């Protein structure tokens, strides 16, 4: 075994141990009630994030000898420190675990992107840094301005108009016409329309879920899904549709709407299969990828080879061949992680996403405001289902839909929209805590008067 192979072997186990411990304590802390114990655990989680990030970059540096990695590493460390210090100082009551989960997922994404493409890693770091700066005011806005719930139709109409512009004037990449090229900057507007979509449904349902409102929401949701289908963005269309079904069920509490939505979605999937050739190609590649390995099934076949080659413990950073997978830095980045860092590491990432989902659901359950509750639920479903589509397509559980892995995959629009989503939820979290505290104060005051 050469020196480089030995380094890769040792560091991959170190990174697995660190992520395993982070995952364990991220669940364990949910049960802690002692403030001192919580603080110690948060400090431990922070140390683990920086340690894993350091080991990942030092492994790449020793493997490649590229001294530019030191500059990239230093820039990322500064970004992480600024995020932690600024957000903790401005929002001392924010969810510390949710913020740290974001940083852990981002650090994994930065490491694997630096391994796959140094230039793309630089772009991703810059976009993430700018995104956090832009979103610095978002929790304050969500916490302070309750009038955001008055513009349901505005959110819906603006989102539809934006998707329509993309349909007419958008650029086509990877078979989907869902990109806009503005002065050389390529953005994916559907990533931001997702947020408007959830706000629109929540604003329409926050007062009541009568038949008239249900019809209006259904028309709005249907228009969004239809345009996405015409853009051939099937992953986006699925995410929008499933989010609508769950939010409708939450607002009405009527199972008939939920099952009708599932039945309608199944029928729409069958019709799409019959009408669109690219849908049939993806299903064909999913059913028998090795039978079409030279053409339609090449991408998923290479993904499965990579995952199988990595096994449980991985080949080690920079020891695999993930670049043989088309679009590996965005849609199939989970395959690259599985090949070089192993199946156990990949499972920890899935558990970390589940931890975020649990935090999202808890935020929704703690809200007194129907609007805040529906927004939290909508984002929970949207986030969770996107992960299912992304990882499910990579491991051949479902046909590939071309969906990115949140906070890990390369993509500026995806990174910014996901950070926006997390910061909106942070604002809702703090608002819910404040309202709960005020309510408890009023109850205590009333009890004193009675006594």
Protein backbone atom coordinates (compact mmCIF):
# COMPACT_ATOMS: atom_id res chain seq x y z
CA UNK A 1 0.00 0.00 0.00
CA UNK A 2 1.40 3.37 -1.03
CA UNK A 3 1.56 6.43 1.19
CA UNK A 4 -1.34 8.10 -0.64
CA UNK A 5 -3.50 5.00 -0.33
CA UNK A 6 -2.74 4.80 3.39
CA UNK A 7 -3.75 8.45 3.86
CA UNK A 8 -7.02 7.87 1.99
CA UNK A 9 -7.76 4.76 4.06
CA UNK A 10 -7.13 6.44 7.41
CA UNK A 11 -8.97 9.67 6.64
CA UNK A 12 -12.09 8.00 5.24
CA UNK A 13 -12.55 6.18 8.57
CA UNK A 14 -11.89 9.38 10.50
CA UNK A 15 -14.53 11.22 8.46
CA UNK A 16 -17.01 8.38 8.94
CA UNK A 17 -16.46 8.38 12.71
CA UNK A 18 -16.91 12.14 12.85
CA UNK A 19 -20.10 12.15 10.78
CA UNK A 20 -21.43 9.13 12.70
CA UNK A 21 -20.93 10.97 15.99
CA UNK A 22 -22.48 14.13 14.60
CA UNK A 23 -25.53 12.18 13.42
CA UNK A 24 -25.88 10.42 16.77
CA UNK A 25 -25.74 13.63 18.82
CA UNK A 26 -28.01 15.51 16.38
CA UNK A 27 -30.76 13.06 17.35
CA UNK A 28 -29.70 12.72 20.96
CA UNK A 29 -29.89 16.47 21.61
CA UNK A 30 -33.59 16.45 20.70
CA UNK A 31 -34.22 14.69 24.03
CA UNK A 32 -32.06 16.95 26.19
CA UNK A 33 -33.80 19.38 28.53
CA UNK A 34 -30.78 20.50 30.53
CA UNK A 35 -29.48 23.79 29.11
CA UNK A 36 -25.85 23.13 30.04
CA UNK A 37 -25.95 19.73 28.38
CA UNK A 38 -27.43 21.29 25.27
CA UNK A 39 -24.71 23.95 25.14
CA UNK A 40 -21.95 21.34 25.48
CA UNK A 41 -23.48 19.28 22.70
CA UNK A 42 -23.81 22.27 20.39
CA UNK A 43 -20.12 23.04 20.98
CA UNK A 44 -19.26 19.41 20.22
CA UNK A 45 -21.27 19.48 16.98
CA UNK A 46 -19.45 22.66 15.93
CA UNK A 47 -16.05 21.07 16.58
CA UNK A 48 -17.06 18.00 14.56
CA UNK A 49 -18.12 20.16 11.58
CA UNK A 50 -14.79 21.98 11.45
CA UNK A 51 -12.82 18.77 12.07
CA UNK A 52 -14.50 16.86 9.24
CA UNK A 53 -14.09 19.84 6.94
CA UNK A 54 -10.37 20.08 7.80
CA UNK A 55 -9.70 16.36 7.30
CA UNK A 56 -11.53 16.32 3.97
CA UNK A 57 -9.51 19.20 2.55
CA UNK A 58 -6.18 18.04 3.93
CA UNK A 59 -6.79 14.64 2.33
CA UNK A 60 -7.42 16.28 -1.04
CA UNK A 61 -4.35 18.51 -0.62
CA UNK A 62 -2.07 15.56 0.14
CA UNK A 63 -3.57 13.54 -2.70
CA UNK A 64 -3.38 16.23 -5.38
CA UNK A 65 -0.71 18.65 -4.20
CA UNK A 66 -2.93 21.54 -5.38
CA UNK A 67 -2.04 24.43 -3.06
CA UNK A 68 -5.08 26.37 -4.28
CA UNK A 69 -7.11 24.05 -2.08
CA UNK A 70 -5.64 25.83 0.96
CA UNK A 71 -7.10 29.15 -0.20
CA UNK A 72 -10.48 27.53 -0.87
CA UNK A 73 -10.41 25.82 2.52
CA UNK A 74 -9.50 29.06 4.30
CA UNK A 75 -12.30 30.92 2.54
CA UNK A 76 -14.84 28.31 3.55
CA UNK A 77 -13.69 28.39 7.18
CA UNK A 78 -14.13 32.16 7.23
CA UNK A 79 -17.62 31.79 5.74
CA UNK A 80 -18.60 29.21 8.39
CA UNK A 81 -17.26 31.36 11.23
CA UNK A 82 -19.10 34.43 9.94
CA UNK A 83 -22.35 32.48 9.58
CA UNK A 84 -22.18 31.15 13.12
CA UNK A 85 -21.18 34.46 14.70
CA UNK A 86 -23.56 36.72 12.77
CA UNK A 87 -26.64 34.54 13.03
CA UNK A 88 -26.08 33.76 16.71
CA UNK A 89 -25.50 37.42 17.51
CA UNK A 90 -28.53 38.70 15.56
CA UNK A 91 -30.84 35.79 16.42
CA UNK A 92 -29.90 34.29 19.81
CA UNK A 93 -33.19 32.35 19.89
CA UNK A 94 -32.77 30.61 16.53
CA UNK A 95 -32.63 26.82 16.17
CA UNK A 96 -28.95 26.10 16.70
CA UNK A 97 -29.27 22.50 15.59
CA UNK A 98 -30.89 23.45 12.29
CA UNK A 99 -28.11 25.96 11.58
CA UNK A 100 -25.41 23.39 12.35
CA UNK A 101 -27.09 20.77 10.20
CA UNK A 102 -26.92 23.23 7.32
CA UNK A 103 -23.21 23.79 7.88
CA UNK A 104 -22.48 20.06 8.08
CA UNK A 105 -24.30 19.36 4.81
CA UNK A 106 -22.59 22.33 3.16
CA UNK A 107 -19.16 21.19 4.35
CA UNK A 108 -19.71 17.73 2.84
CA UNK A 109 -20.85 19.35 -0.39
CA UNK A 110 -17.81 21.66 -0.47
CA UNK A 111 -15.41 18.75 0.04
CA UNK A 112 -16.88 16.54 -2.67
CA UNK A 113 -17.20 19.46 -5.12
CA UNK A 114 -13.56 20.41 -4.54
CA UNK A 115 -12.70 16.83 -5.39
CA UNK A 116 -14.86 16.80 -8.56
CA UNK A 117 -14.28 20.31 -9.94
CA UNK A 118 -12.20 23.02 -8.27
CA UNK A 119 -13.73 25.79 -10.39
CA UNK A 120 -17.29 24.75 -9.54
CA UNK A 121 -16.37 24.49 -5.87
CA UNK A 122 -15.20 28.13 -5.89
CA UNK A 123 -18.47 29.25 -7.53
CA UNK A 124 -20.51 27.27 -5.01
CA UNK A 125 -18.71 28.79 -2.02
CA UNK A 126 -19.23 32.32 -3.36
CA UNK A 127 -22.93 31.67 -4.01
CA UNK A 128 -23.43 30.16 -0.55
CA UNK A 129 -21.66 33.10 1.12
CA UNK A 130 -23.76 35.63 -0.78
CA UNK A 131 -26.91 33.61 -0.05
CA UNK A 132 -26.33 33.72 3.70
CA UNK A 133 -25.67 37.45 3.53
CA UNK A 134 -28.88 38.05 1.57
CA UNK A 135 -30.85 35.81 3.93
CA UNK A 136 -29.52 37.52 7.04
CA UNK A 137 -32.64 39.70 7.17
CA UNK A 138 -35.13 36.93 6.31
CA UNK A 139 -35.76 35.62 9.87
CA UNK A 140 -36.38 39.20 11.05
CA UNK A 141 -38.93 39.80 8.27
CA UNK A 142 -40.75 36.53 8.95
CA UNK A 143 -40.78 37.16 12.68
CA UNK A 144 -41.97 40.76 12.57
CA UNK A 145 -44.29 41.16 9.59
CA UNK A 146 -47.55 39.23 9.90
CA UNK A 147 -49.01 40.92 6.80
CA UNK A 148 -47.11 38.45 4.60
CA UNK A 149 -50.13 36.17 4.81
CA UNK A 150 -52.38 38.63 2.93
CA UNK A 151 -51.00 38.10 -0.55
CA UNK A 152 -51.91 34.54 -1.48
CA UNK A 153 -53.07 35.37 -5.01
CA UNK A 154 -50.06 37.63 -5.58
CA UNK A 155 -47.62 34.85 -4.66
CA UNK A 156 -49.43 32.38 -6.90
CA UNK A 157 -49.79 34.74 -9.88
CA UNK A 158 -46.19 35.91 -9.73
CA UNK A 159 -44.91 32.34 -9.58
CA UNK A 160 -47.01 31.27 -12.56
CA UNK A 161 -45.93 34.34 -14.56
CA UNK A 162 -42.26 33.60 -13.85
CA UNK A 163 -42.61 29.97 -14.96
CA UNK A 164 -44.45 31.11 -18.09
CA UNK A 165 -41.57 33.46 -18.98
CA UNK A 166 -39.14 30.56 -18.64
CA UNK A 167 -41.36 28.37 -20.83
CA UNK A 168 -41.28 30.99 -23.60
CA UNK A 169 -37.76 32.42 -23.29
CA UNK A 170 -35.90 29.80 -21.28
CA UNK A 171 -32.85 27.75 -22.22
CA UNK A 172 -32.78 23.97 -22.42
CA UNK A 173 -30.22 21.98 -20.43
CA UNK A 174 -30.26 18.24 -19.86
CA UNK A 175 -33.59 17.97 -21.69
CA UNK A 176 -35.55 20.48 -19.54
CA UNK A 177 -36.42 24.06 -20.52
CA UNK A 178 -36.31 25.48 -17.02
CA UNK A 179 -33.33 27.82 -17.10
CA UNK A 180 -32.94 31.54 -17.78
CA UNK A 181 -29.73 33.05 -19.10
CA UNK A 182 -29.52 36.65 -17.85
CA UNK A 183 -26.35 38.39 -18.93
CA UNK A 184 -24.36 35.16 -18.81
CA UNK A 185 -25.76 34.21 -15.40
CA UNK A 186 -27.83 31.03 -15.61
CA UNK A 187 -30.59 30.67 -13.02
CA UNK A 188 -33.37 28.16 -12.45
CA UNK A 189 -36.49 30.19 -11.52
CA UNK A 190 -38.52 27.12 -10.49
CA UNK A 191 -36.30 26.84 -7.40
CA UNK A 192 -37.61 30.21 -6.18
CA UNK A 193 -41.15 29.67 -7.42
CA UNK A 194 -41.26 26.71 -4.99
CA UNK A 195 -41.11 29.16 -2.11
CA UNK A 196 -43.78 31.44 -3.60
CA UNK A 197 -45.93 28.37 -4.26
CA UNK A 198 -45.92 27.29 -0.60
CA UNK A 199 -46.52 30.86 0.60
CA UNK A 200 -49.42 31.17 -1.85
CA UNK A 201 -51.17 27.99 -0.69
CA UNK A 202 -50.61 28.82 2.99
CA UNK A 203 -51.93 32.37 2.54
CA UNK A 204 -55.05 31.13 0.76
CA UNK A 205 -55.81 28.50 3.39
CA UNK A 206 -54.89 30.35 6.59
CA UNK A 207 -58.41 31.72 7.21
CA UNK A 208 -60.49 28.82 5.98
CA UNK A 209 -60.47 25.89 3.57
CA UNK A 210 -63.93 26.21 2.03
CA UNK A 211 -64.82 24.88 -1.40
CA UNK A 212 -64.15 28.21 -3.14
CA UNK A 213 -60.64 28.44 -1.72
CA UNK A 214 -59.93 24.81 -2.49
CA UNK A 215 -60.89 25.42 -6.13
CA UNK A 216 -58.68 28.53 -6.31
CA UNK A 217 -55.69 26.70 -4.80
CA UNK A 218 -56.24 23.73 -7.12
CA UNK A 219 -56.26 25.97 -10.19
CA UNK A 220 -53.09 27.72 -9.03
CA UNK A 221 -51.33 24.44 -8.25
CA UNK A 222 -52.49 22.88 -11.50
CA UNK A 223 -51.14 25.80 -13.53
CA UNK A 224 -47.73 25.49 -11.89
CA UNK A 225 -47.56 21.73 -12.42
CA UNK A 226 -48.75 21.98 -16.03
CA UNK A 227 -46.12 24.57 -16.96
CA UNK A 228 -43.39 22.47 -15.33
CA UNK A 229 -44.54 19.43 -17.29
CA UNK A 230 -44.42 21.47 -20.52
CA UNK A 231 -40.88 22.50 -19.54
CA UNK A 232 -40.14 18.77 -19.13
CA UNK A 233 -39.12 19.42 -15.51
CA UNK A 234 -40.81 16.27 -14.21
CA UNK A 235 -38.99 16.28 -10.89
CA UNK A 236 -40.16 19.82 -10.16
CA UNK A 237 -43.71 18.98 -11.23
CA UNK A 238 -43.78 16.00 -8.85
CA UNK A 239 -42.48 18.08 -5.94
CA UNK A 240 -45.11 20.80 -6.55
CA UNK A 241 -47.92 18.27 -6.85
CA UNK A 242 -47.07 16.25 -3.74
CA UNK A 243 -46.65 19.44 -1.70
CA UNK A 244 -50.11 20.61 -2.85
CA UNK A 245 -51.72 17.27 -1.86
CA UNK A 246 -50.27 17.29 1.65
CA UNK A 247 -51.04 20.95 2.29
CA UNK A 248 -54.60 20.45 1.05
CA UNK A 249 -55.06 17.52 3.39
CA UNK A 250 -53.58 19.48 6.32
CA UNK A 251 -55.93 22.41 5.68
CA UNK A 252 -59.10 20.34 5.24
CA UNK A 253 -58.38 17.25 7.38
CA UNK A 254 -60.41 15.25 4.83
CA UNK A 255 -58.79 11.98 3.71
CA UNK A 256 -60.84 11.99 0.51
CA UNK A 257 -58.76 14.90 -0.82
CA UNK A 258 -55.54 13.08 0.00
CA UNK A 259 -56.53 9.84 -1.73
CA UNK A 260 -58.09 11.72 -4.64
CA UNK A 261 -54.79 13.56 -5.04
CA UNK A 262 -52.82 10.32 -5.07
CA UNK A 263 -55.20 8.81 -7.62
CA UNK A 264 -54.99 11.93 -9.78
CA UNK A 265 -51.21 11.93 -9.58
CA UNK A 266 -51.04 8.29 -10.62
CA UNK A 267 -53.32 8.97 -13.60
CA UNK A 268 -51.22 12.01 -14.59
CA UNK A 269 -48.03 9.92 -14.42
CA UNK A 270 -49.58 7.31 -16.75
CA UNK A 271 -50.70 10.01 -19.21
CA UNK A 272 -47.22 11.61 -19.12
CA UNK A 273 -45.69 8.20 -19.87
CA UNK A 274 -47.93 7.83 -22.91
CA UNK A 275 -47.44 11.38 -24.21
CA UNK A 276 -43.76 12.15 -23.61
CA UNK A 277 -40.98 10.12 -25.14
CA UNK A 278 -38.37 11.29 -22.63
CA UNK A 279 -40.51 9.90 -19.80
CA UNK A 280 -40.58 6.49 -21.49
CA UNK A 281 -36.81 6.66 -21.96
CA UNK A 282 -36.25 7.33 -18.24
CA UNK A 283 -38.59 4.51 -17.23
CA UNK A 284 -36.85 2.18 -19.68
CA UNK A 285 -33.43 3.11 -18.28
CA UNK A 286 -34.75 2.55 -14.76
CA UNK A 287 -36.22 -0.86 -15.51
CA UNK A 288 -33.16 -2.26 -17.27
CA UNK A 289 -30.19 0.12 -17.14
CA UNK A 290 -27.60 -2.52 -18.04
CA UNK A 291 -29.60 -3.53 -21.10
CA UNK A 292 -29.13 0.04 -22.45
CA UNK A 293 -25.76 0.71 -20.87
CA UNK A 294 -24.30 2.29 -24.02
CA UNK A 295 -27.05 4.89 -24.32
CA UNK A 296 -30.15 5.56 -22.19
CA UNK A 297 -28.99 3.51 -19.21
CA UNK A 298 -25.40 4.76 -19.13
CA UNK A 299 -25.86 7.32 -16.35
CA UNK A 300 -27.73 5.10 -13.90
CA UNK A 301 -25.44 2.15 -14.72
CA UNK A 302 -22.35 4.20 -13.87
CA UNK A 303 -24.08 5.38 -10.69
CA UNK A 304 -24.76 1.81 -9.59
CA UNK A 305 -21.19 0.77 -10.45
CA UNK A 306 -19.86 3.64 -8.33
CA UNK A 307 -22.06 2.79 -5.34
CA UNK A 308 -21.19 -0.89 -5.60
CA UNK A 309 -17.47 -0.17 -5.94
CA UNK A 310 -17.48 2.01 -2.84
CA UNK A 311 -19.07 -0.65 -0.65
CA UNK A 312 -19.71 0.18 2.99
CA UNK A 313 -16.50 2.12 3.67
CA UNK A 314 -15.63 3.71 0.32
CA UNK A 315 -12.51 3.92 -1.82
CA UNK A 316 -11.23 7.03 -0.06
CA UNK A 317 -11.25 10.64 -1.25
CA UNK A 318 -9.79 11.02 -4.74
CA UNK A 319 -9.42 7.24 -5.12
CA UNK A 320 -12.56 6.49 -7.15
CA UNK A 321 -13.82 7.36 -10.64
CA UNK A 322 -16.96 9.45 -9.95
CA UNK A 323 -16.32 11.74 -12.92
CA UNK A 324 -17.35 8.89 -15.23
CA UNK A 325 -20.96 9.60 -14.18
CA UNK A 326 -22.66 12.32 -16.28
CA UNK A 327 -23.85 15.34 -14.24
CA UNK A 328 -22.17 13.86 -11.16
CA UNK A 329 -21.68 17.23 -9.43
CA UNK A 330 -25.42 17.98 -9.27
CA UNK A 331 -28.01 15.25 -9.85
CA UNK A 332 -25.73 12.27 -9.06
CA UNK A 333 -23.47 13.66 -6.35
CA UNK A 334 -24.78 11.05 -3.90
CA UNK A 335 -23.12 8.39 -6.08
CA UNK A 336 -19.75 10.16 -5.83
CA UNK A 337 -20.07 10.35 -2.04
CA UNK A 338 -21.03 6.66 -1.83
CA UNK A 339 -18.09 5.59 -4.00
CA UNK A 340 -15.35 7.49 -2.21
CA UNK A 341 -16.69 7.78 1.36
CA UNK A 342 -18.82 4.64 1.50
CA UNK A 343 -22.32 3.39 2.19
CA UNK A 344 -22.18 4.04 5.93
CA UNK A 345 -21.21 7.67 5.30
CA UNK A 346 -24.08 7.97 2.80
CA UNK A 347 -26.54 6.51 5.32
CA UNK A 348 -25.42 9.11 7.88
CA UNK A 349 -26.20 11.83 5.34
CA UNK A 350 -29.70 10.39 4.87
CA UNK A 351 -30.18 10.33 8.66
CA UNK A 352 -29.01 13.94 8.82
CA UNK A 353 -31.67 14.90 6.27
CA UNK A 354 -34.24 13.01 8.34
CA UNK A 355 -33.11 15.02 11.37
CA UNK A 356 -33.75 18.26 9.44
CA UNK A 357 -37.16 16.96 8.39
CA UNK A 358 -38.06 16.18 12.01
CA UNK A 359 -37.03 19.71 13.02
CA UNK A 360 -39.20 21.12 10.23
CA UNK A 361 -42.22 19.10 11.36
CA UNK A 362 -41.68 20.10 14.99
CA UNK A 363 -41.62 23.76 13.95
CA UNK A 364 -44.94 23.26 12.13
CA UNK A 365 -46.55 21.55 15.12
CA UNK A 366 -45.53 24.31 17.52
CA UNK A 367 -47.19 27.14 15.56
CA UNK A 368 -50.34 28.87 16.78
CA UNK A 369 -50.75 30.69 13.45
CA UNK A 370 -52.33 28.62 10.68
CA UNK A 371 -50.28 30.48 8.06
CA UNK A 372 -46.98 29.69 9.79
CA UNK A 373 -48.07 26.10 10.32
CA UNK A 374 -48.94 25.57 6.66
CA UNK A 375 -45.74 27.22 5.42
CA UNK A 376 -43.66 25.00 7.72
CA UNK A 377 -45.54 21.89 6.64
CA UNK A 378 -45.25 22.79 2.95
CA UNK A 379 -41.50 23.30 3.21
CA UNK A 380 -41.18 20.05 5.19
CA UNK A 381 -42.90 18.03 2.48
CA UNK A 382 -41.07 19.84 -0.33
CA UNK A 383 -37.67 19.31 1.31
CA UNK A 384 -38.30 15.68 2.23
CA UNK A 385 -39.75 14.68 -1.13
CA UNK A 386 -36.88 16.32 -3.02
CA UNK A 387 -34.43 14.15 -1.07
CA UNK A 388 -36.48 11.03 -1.86
CA UNK A 389 -36.47 11.88 -5.57
CA UNK A 390 -32.76 12.74 -5.64
CA UNK A 391 -31.43 9.72 -3.74
CA UNK A 392 -34.13 7.39 -5.08
CA UNK A 393 -33.14 8.16 -8.67
CA UNK A 394 -29.45 7.63 -7.94
CA UNK A 395 -29.89 4.18 -6.33
CA UNK A 396 -32.49 3.01 -8.91
CA UNK A 397 -35.33 3.00 -6.39
CA UNK A 398 -37.35 5.20 -8.74
CA UNK A 399 -36.71 6.60 -12.25
CA UNK A 400 -34.28 9.52 -12.28
CA UNK A 401 -36.01 12.91 -12.26
CA UNK A 402 -32.98 15.22 -12.39
CA UNK A 403 -33.39 16.69 -8.89
CA UNK A 404 -30.47 18.09 -6.87
CA UNK A 405 -29.50 17.03 -3.35
CA UNK A 406 -30.17 20.04 -1.08
CA UNK A 407 -27.11 21.91 0.22
CA UNK A 408 -24.71 19.30 -1.22
CA UNK A 409 -25.21 19.33 -4.99
CA UNK A 410 -23.66 21.99 -7.20
CA UNK A 411 -26.12 24.68 -8.25
CA UNK A 412 -26.52 28.31 -7.30
CA UNK A 413 -30.30 28.50 -7.63
CA UNK A 414 -30.75 25.36 -5.56
CA UNK A 415 -28.36 26.57 -2.85
CA UNK A 416 -29.96 30.01 -2.55
CA UNK A 417 -33.54 28.70 -2.51
CA UNK A 418 -32.69 26.04 0.09
CA UNK A 419 -30.95 28.57 2.35
CA UNK A 420 -33.96 30.88 1.94
CA UNK A 421 -36.23 28.00 2.95
CA UNK A 422 -34.19 27.25 6.07
CA UNK A 423 -34.08 30.92 7.08
CA UNK A 424 -37.84 31.32 6.63
CA UNK A 425 -38.27 28.34 8.95
CA UNK A 426 -35.84 29.89 11.43
CA UNK A 427 -38.01 33.02 11.46
CA UNK A 428 -41.15 30.93 11.97
CA UNK A 429 -39.41 28.97 14.74
CA UNK A 430 -38.48 32.13 16.64
CA UNK A 431 -41.90 33.66 16.06
CA UNK A 432 -43.59 30.54 17.40
CA UNK A 433 -41.40 30.55 20.50
CA UNK A 434 -42.19 34.22 21.11
CA UNK A 435 -45.95 33.69 20.71
CA UNK A 436 -45.85 30.65 22.98
CA UNK A 437 -43.99 32.63 25.64
CA UNK A 438 -46.52 35.49 25.46
CA UNK A 439 -49.40 33.04 25.69
CA UNK A 440 -47.88 31.38 28.74
CA UNK A 441 -47.38 34.80 30.35
CA UNK A 442 -51.06 35.65 29.80
CA UNK A 443 -52.16 32.31 31.29
CA UNK A 444 -49.97 32.84 34.34
CA UNK A 445 -51.37 36.36 34.79
CA UNK A 446 -54.94 35.06 34.59
CA UNK A 447 -54.20 32.34 37.12
CA UNK A 448 -52.82 34.92 39.54
CA UNK A 449 -55.96 37.04 39.18
CA UNK A 450 -58.18 34.04 39.92
CA UNK A 451 -56.16 33.21 43.01
